[in-house]
Protein backbone atom coordinates (compact mmCIF):
# COMPACT_ATOMS: atom_id res chain seq x y z
CA MET A 1 -132.17 -22.58 38.67
CA LYS A 2 -132.66 -22.60 34.89
CA LEU A 3 -130.88 -19.24 34.61
CA ILE A 4 -127.83 -20.55 36.46
CA LEU A 5 -127.75 -23.66 34.29
CA LYS A 6 -127.96 -21.51 31.16
CA TRP A 7 -125.14 -19.30 32.44
CA LEU A 8 -122.94 -22.34 33.10
CA LEU A 9 -123.70 -23.77 29.67
CA LEU A 10 -122.98 -20.45 27.94
CA ALA A 11 -119.64 -20.26 29.77
CA ALA A 12 -118.89 -23.76 28.50
CA ALA A 13 -119.93 -22.58 25.04
CA LEU A 14 -117.36 -19.77 25.26
CA LEU A 15 -114.72 -22.37 26.04
CA GLY A 16 -115.99 -24.29 23.01
CA VAL A 17 -115.61 -21.21 20.84
CA ALA A 18 -112.02 -20.76 22.05
CA TYR A 19 -111.32 -24.43 21.36
CA LEU A 20 -112.83 -24.38 17.86
CA TYR A 21 -111.53 -20.99 16.75
CA GLY A 22 -108.06 -19.61 17.36
CA GLY A 23 -109.11 -15.97 17.20
CA VAL A 24 -110.72 -16.21 20.65
CA GLN A 25 -108.76 -17.10 23.78
CA ILE A 26 -110.11 -17.75 27.26
CA ALA A 27 -107.82 -18.37 30.25
CA SER A 28 -110.07 -20.54 32.44
CA PHE A 29 -113.62 -21.64 33.16
CA GLY A 30 -113.88 -18.87 35.79
CA THR A 31 -112.96 -16.34 33.15
CA ALA A 32 -115.53 -17.91 30.82
CA LEU A 33 -118.20 -17.52 33.54
CA LEU A 34 -117.35 -13.85 33.95
CA ALA A 35 -117.17 -13.32 30.18
CA ALA A 36 -120.60 -14.93 29.70
CA LEU A 37 -121.97 -12.59 32.36
CA VAL A 38 -120.36 -9.51 30.76
CA ILE A 39 -121.62 -10.49 27.29
CA GLY A 40 -125.10 -10.99 28.72
CA LEU A 41 -125.06 -7.62 30.47
CA LEU A 42 -123.84 -5.84 27.34
CA ASN A 43 -126.57 -7.54 25.31
CA VAL A 44 -129.21 -6.42 27.81
CA LEU A 45 -127.98 -2.87 28.46
CA VAL A 46 -126.08 -1.63 25.38
CA ARG A 47 -127.29 -3.73 22.43
CA PRO A 48 -130.90 -2.38 22.43
CA ILE A 49 -129.59 1.19 22.21
CA LEU A 50 -127.32 0.29 19.30
CA VAL A 51 -130.12 -1.54 17.53
CA VAL A 52 -132.41 1.48 17.76
CA LEU A 53 -129.68 3.90 16.66
CA THR A 54 -128.80 1.77 13.62
CA ILE A 55 -132.31 0.99 12.37
CA PRO A 56 -131.75 2.70 8.99
CA ILE A 57 -128.57 0.76 8.17
CA THR A 58 -130.12 -2.44 9.53
CA LEU A 59 -133.07 -1.99 7.17
CA LEU A 60 -130.76 -1.24 4.24
CA THR A 61 -128.75 -4.40 4.89
CA LEU A 62 -131.91 -6.45 5.47
CA GLY A 63 -130.92 -7.15 9.06
CA LEU A 64 -127.35 -8.25 8.38
CA PHE A 65 -125.99 -5.29 10.35
CA LEU A 66 -127.23 -7.02 13.51
CA PHE A 67 -124.31 -9.43 13.06
CA VAL A 68 -121.98 -6.42 13.29
CA ILE A 69 -123.67 -5.27 16.51
CA ASN A 70 -123.34 -8.77 17.99
CA ALA A 71 -119.66 -8.86 17.05
CA LEU A 72 -119.12 -5.45 18.65
CA MET A 73 -120.71 -6.66 21.90
CA PHE A 74 -118.49 -9.77 21.87
CA TRP A 75 -115.39 -7.68 21.14
CA ALA A 76 -116.32 -5.08 23.78
CA ALA A 77 -116.65 -7.81 26.40
CA SER A 78 -113.12 -8.97 25.62
CA GLY A 79 -111.89 -5.40 25.98
CA LEU A 80 -113.51 -5.02 29.40
CA MET A 81 -111.80 -7.96 31.04
CA SER A 82 -108.52 -9.80 31.17
CA GLY A 83 -108.26 -13.49 30.39
CA PHE A 84 -110.74 -13.19 27.52
CA HIS A 85 -109.14 -12.02 24.30
CA VAL A 86 -110.52 -11.59 20.78
CA ASP A 87 -107.94 -10.85 18.08
CA GLY A 88 -110.01 -8.23 16.24
CA PHE A 89 -113.34 -7.41 14.68
CA TRP A 90 -113.32 -10.30 12.20
CA SER A 91 -112.39 -12.73 14.94
CA ALA A 92 -115.24 -11.30 17.01
CA LEU A 93 -117.62 -11.80 14.09
CA VAL A 94 -116.63 -15.45 13.63
CA GLY A 95 -116.56 -16.01 17.40
CA THR A 96 -120.00 -14.55 17.91
CA LEU A 97 -121.44 -16.66 15.08
CA ILE A 98 -120.11 -19.84 16.70
CA TYR A 99 -121.26 -18.64 20.14
CA SER A 100 -124.73 -17.92 18.72
CA VAL A 101 -124.99 -21.45 17.32
CA PHE A 102 -124.09 -22.82 20.76
CA GLY A 103 -126.66 -20.45 22.30
CA VAL A 104 -129.43 -21.70 20.03
CA LEU A 105 -128.53 -25.30 20.89
CA ILE A 106 -128.51 -24.50 24.61
CA ASP A 107 -131.91 -22.78 24.36
CA ALA A 108 -133.34 -25.78 22.50
CA LEU A 109 -131.89 -28.16 25.08
CA LEU A 110 -133.31 -26.17 27.99
CA GLU A 111 -136.75 -25.90 26.34
CA ARG A 112 -136.98 -29.68 26.12
CA GLY A 113 -136.05 -30.18 29.78
């Protein structure tokens, strides 16, 4: 039940990102649900591989390259589906930063409950 609630809240967070930042557009709440699922799947399946492959550059940048990987996952999700559009890499970077803040707030909220 907690997983479904988190999924719903992350979809709402994606709508919040689109509302707060013009570089990200989402057509509907249904699209946001699907986008949250796709982002989650990419983060579980692809992100760990990218993190391992980019360990040297991540160490050189003191971990800041992980922001680039997160942005690429966000941007890739928008490329895999219609109704969810990110204008480009920099829009993905800003969008993923806002989405991450919402994610931290959602995690904190769910931990309290």
